[in-house]
Amino acid sequence: MDDIIIPSIEKNKADASFKLKNGILFFDNVPYSGIVKEFYFDEKVKSSSQYYQGKKQGNYLGFYVNGNKWFQRSYTNGIKTGIHSGWFETGKQMFEYHINDKGVYHGSVKDWHYNGQLARYFNFVDGKEAGTQKMWNSKGKIRANFYTVKGERHGLIGLKNCVSVLKTDHK
C-alpha cells in the first residue's frame, strides 16, 4: 500500500457528481481517486482529503476559517491510521491520538482543555485501555488516576462533586 500514488486531480466536495455508497466515494459512478476539497463560503479551504479507489488514503487536513490548522489525520485504504492531531483555533493542541493499522487506538490518547491544560492521558493496546489512565479538570486538578490491567480498572476512577444535603424545616 505504500506505493499508492494519489492523482493530482482536485474536486470540490460540493460537486453533485459525488456519491457515497457503502463507504466508497464515487464520482460519476466511478470510485474516486484524487483530492477532495471542502470550502467555506468565502472560498477558503475548510478541508482537503486524499482518496484512492473511493477510499480515504493518506492525509486528511482541516482548517479554520482564519487559515489555522484544525486537524490532521491519516488513512490507509479507508482506515484511520497513524497519529491524529487537532488544534484549537488559537493554535493550541486539542488532541493527539495514536491509531494502529486496524483503525483502533494503540498507544497514547491525549486531549487538552481550551486553556492548554491536559484533560486526558490514556494508554491503549489494540483498542483496549492498558496501563496508566489519567484525567484532569481545566484547572489541573486530577479527576481520575487509575491503572487498567486486562480490562479491569484499579485506582481513582473518577470524582463526582459531593453535594451536602441539609435537613431543613418546611412549614
Protein backbone atom coordinates (compact mmCIF):
# COMPACT_ATOMS: atom_id res chain seq x y z
CA MET A 1 0.00 0.00 0.00
CA ASP A 2 2.96 2.39 0.45
CA ASP A 3 3.39 2.60 -3.34
CA ILE A 4 -0.02 4.23 -3.92
CA ILE A 5 0.17 7.50 -5.80
CA ILE A 6 -2.81 9.81 -5.44
CA PRO A 7 -3.64 11.54 -8.74
CA SER A 8 -3.32 15.34 -8.57
CA ILE A 9 -6.96 15.75 -9.65
CA GLU A 10 -8.83 18.12 -7.30
CA LYS A 11 -12.61 18.24 -6.94
CA ASN A 12 -14.96 20.27 -4.76
CA LYS A 13 -16.78 18.17 -2.15
CA ALA A 14 -19.98 20.07 -3.01
CA ASP A 15 -19.96 18.69 -6.57
CA ALA A 16 -23.26 16.86 -7.15
CA SER A 17 -21.43 14.09 -9.05
CA PHE A 18 -20.05 12.73 -5.74
CA LYS A 19 -21.98 9.88 -4.14
CA LEU A 20 -21.03 7.85 -1.07
CA LYS A 21 -22.14 4.20 -1.27
CA ASN A 22 -21.19 1.62 1.37
CA GLY A 23 -18.20 3.69 2.48
CA ILE A 24 -16.86 4.16 -1.07
CA LEU A 25 -16.79 7.64 -2.63
CA PHE A 26 -17.91 7.66 -6.27
CA PHE A 27 -17.58 10.44 -8.82
CA ASP A 28 -19.82 9.95 -11.88
CA ASN A 29 -20.39 6.34 -10.71
CA VAL A 30 -16.65 5.52 -10.66
CA PRO A 31 -14.68 5.03 -7.39
CA TYR A 32 -12.86 8.34 -7.00
CA SER A 33 -9.08 8.73 -6.90
CA GLY A 34 -7.75 12.21 -6.24
CA ILE A 35 -8.12 15.10 -3.82
CA VAL A 36 -11.42 16.33 -2.41
CA LYS A 37 -11.58 19.85 -1.02
CA GLU A 38 -14.31 21.44 1.06
CA PHE A 39 -14.62 25.23 1.18
CA TYR A 40 -16.03 27.88 3.48
CA PHE A 41 -18.47 30.40 2.00
CA ASP A 42 -15.57 32.82 1.42
CA GLU A 43 -13.82 30.14 -0.70
CA LYS A 44 -11.11 29.44 1.89
CA VAL A 45 -10.25 25.74 2.21
CA LYS A 46 -12.06 24.01 5.09
CA SER A 47 -10.67 20.53 4.45
CA SER A 48 -8.59 18.54 2.00
CA SER A 49 -8.63 14.76 1.79
CA GLN A 50 -6.99 12.23 -0.49
CA TYR A 51 -8.82 9.25 -1.99
CA TYR A 52 -7.72 6.16 -3.85
CA GLN A 53 -10.31 3.92 -5.50
CA GLY A 54 -13.05 5.53 -3.42
CA LYS A 55 -11.37 5.18 -0.01
CA LYS A 56 -9.55 7.79 2.05
CA GLN A 57 -5.82 7.31 1.60
CA GLY A 58 -3.10 9.49 3.02
CA ASN A 59 -3.64 12.87 4.61
CA TYR A 60 -6.93 14.43 5.66
CA LEU A 61 -6.43 18.03 6.74
CA GLY A 62 -8.88 20.52 8.23
CA PHE A 63 -8.53 24.28 8.57
CA TYR A 64 -10.33 27.00 10.48
CA VAL A 65 -11.74 29.95 8.56
CA ASN A 66 -8.73 32.01 9.76
CA GLY A 67 -6.41 29.52 7.99
CA ASN A 68 -5.03 27.86 11.13
CA LYS A 69 -4.80 24.08 11.04
CA TRP A 70 -7.78 22.39 12.75
CA PHE A 71 -6.83 18.71 12.39
CA GLN A 72 -4.50 16.30 10.62
CA ARG A 73 -5.46 12.66 10.19
CA SER A 74 -4.05 9.83 8.10
CA TYR A 75 -5.81 6.93 6.39
CA THR A 76 -4.74 3.68 4.79
CA ASN A 77 -7.26 2.01 2.49
CA GLY A 78 -10.10 3.90 4.20
CA ILE A 79 -8.96 3.04 7.74
CA LYS A 80 -7.73 5.62 10.26
CA THR A 81 -4.03 5.04 10.97
CA GLY A 82 -1.05 6.80 12.49
CA ILE A 83 -1.09 9.91 14.64
CA HIS A 84 -4.23 12.04 14.52
CA SER A 85 -3.81 15.56 15.84
CA GLY A 86 -6.09 18.54 16.34
CA TRP A 87 -5.71 22.14 17.41
CA PHE A 88 -7.95 24.85 18.75
CA GLU A 89 -8.41 27.93 16.57
CA THR A 90 -5.79 29.65 18.75
CA GLY A 91 -3.18 27.11 17.62
CA LYS A 92 -3.02 25.29 20.97
CA GLN A 93 -3.14 21.48 20.88
CA MET A 94 -6.66 19.97 21.20
CA PHE A 95 -5.93 16.24 20.81
CA GLU A 96 -3.35 13.65 19.77
CA TYR A 97 -4.43 10.04 19.17
CA HIS A 98 -2.21 7.12 18.15
CA ILE A 99 -4.04 4.62 15.94
CA ASN A 100 -2.77 1.28 14.64
CA ASP A 101 -3.25 -0.23 11.16
CA LYS A 102 -6.54 -1.82 12.31
CA GLY A 103 -8.00 1.63 12.94
CA VAL A 104 -8.11 1.42 16.76
CA TYR A 105 -6.29 3.31 19.49
CA HIS A 106 -2.82 1.93 20.15
CA GLY A 107 -0.51 3.98 22.32
CA SER A 108 -1.31 7.29 23.94
CA VAL A 109 -4.55 9.22 23.60
CA LYS A 110 -4.37 12.83 24.78
CA ASP A 111 -6.93 15.62 24.95
CA TRP A 112 -6.39 19.19 26.14
CA HIS A 113 -8.72 21.79 27.58
CA TYR A 114 -9.07 25.05 25.66
CA ASN A 115 -6.76 26.78 28.17
CA GLY A 116 -3.91 24.37 27.32
CA GLN A 117 -4.27 22.19 30.44
CA LEU A 118 -4.02 18.47 29.71
CA ALA A 119 -7.52 16.95 30.11
CA ARG A 120 -6.88 13.26 29.44
CA TYR A 121 -3.90 10.97 29.05
CA PHE A 122 -4.94 7.38 28.38
CA ASN A 123 -2.97 4.42 27.04
CA PHE A 124 -4.31 1.71 24.75
CA VAL A 125 -3.15 -1.60 23.30
CA ASP A 126 -5.12 -2.78 20.24
CA GLY A 127 -8.12 -0.61 21.11
CA LYS A 128 -8.33 -1.54 24.79
CA GLU A 129 -7.31 0.55 27.79
CA ALA A 130 -3.99 -0.67 29.20
CA GLY A 131 -1.74 0.82 31.83
CA THR A 132 -1.92 4.31 33.29
CA GLN A 133 -5.01 6.42 32.65
CA LYS A 134 -5.37 10.00 33.94
CA MET A 135 -7.83 12.88 33.65
CA TRP A 136 -7.69 16.49 34.88
CA ASN A 137 -10.14 19.36 35.08
CA SER A 138 -9.41 22.66 33.34
CA LYS A 139 -7.57 23.96 36.43
CA GLY A 140 -5.20 20.98 36.56
CA LYS A 141 -6.89 19.14 39.41
CA ILE A 142 -6.86 15.35 38.97
CA ARG A 143 -10.29 13.86 38.14
CA ALA A 144 -9.21 10.27 37.56
CA ASN A 145 -5.97 8.35 38.10
CA PHE A 146 -6.13 4.62 37.57
CA TYR A 147 -4.36 1.66 36.05
CA THR A 148 -6.04 -0.79 33.67
CA VAL A 149 -4.98 -4.45 33.64
CA LYS A 150 -6.82 -7.00 31.46
CA GLY A 151 -9.82 -4.69 31.19
CA GLU A 152 -10.09 -4.05 34.94
CA ARG A 153 -9.59 -0.55 36.33
CA HIS A 154 -7.73 -0.07 39.61
CA GLY A 155 -7.43 3.25 41.43
CA LEU A 156 -9.26 6.55 41.41
CA ILE A 157 -11.78 6.03 38.61
CA GLY A 158 -13.49 9.42 38.75
CA LEU A 159 -14.59 12.11 41.10
CA LYS A 160 -18.07 13.48 41.46
CA ASN A 161 -18.78 16.72 43.21
CA CYS A 162 -20.38 15.97 46.54
CA VAL A 163 -23.42 17.99 47.42
CA SER A 164 -24.22 18.49 51.07
CA VAL A 165 -27.79 17.55 51.90
CA LEU A 166 -29.06 19.54 54.84
CA LYS A 167 -32.28 18.77 56.63
CA THR A 168 -34.38 21.90 56.57
CA ASP A 169 -37.60 22.77 58.30
CA HIS A 170 -40.53 23.09 55.96
CA LYS A 171 -43.55 24.91 57.31
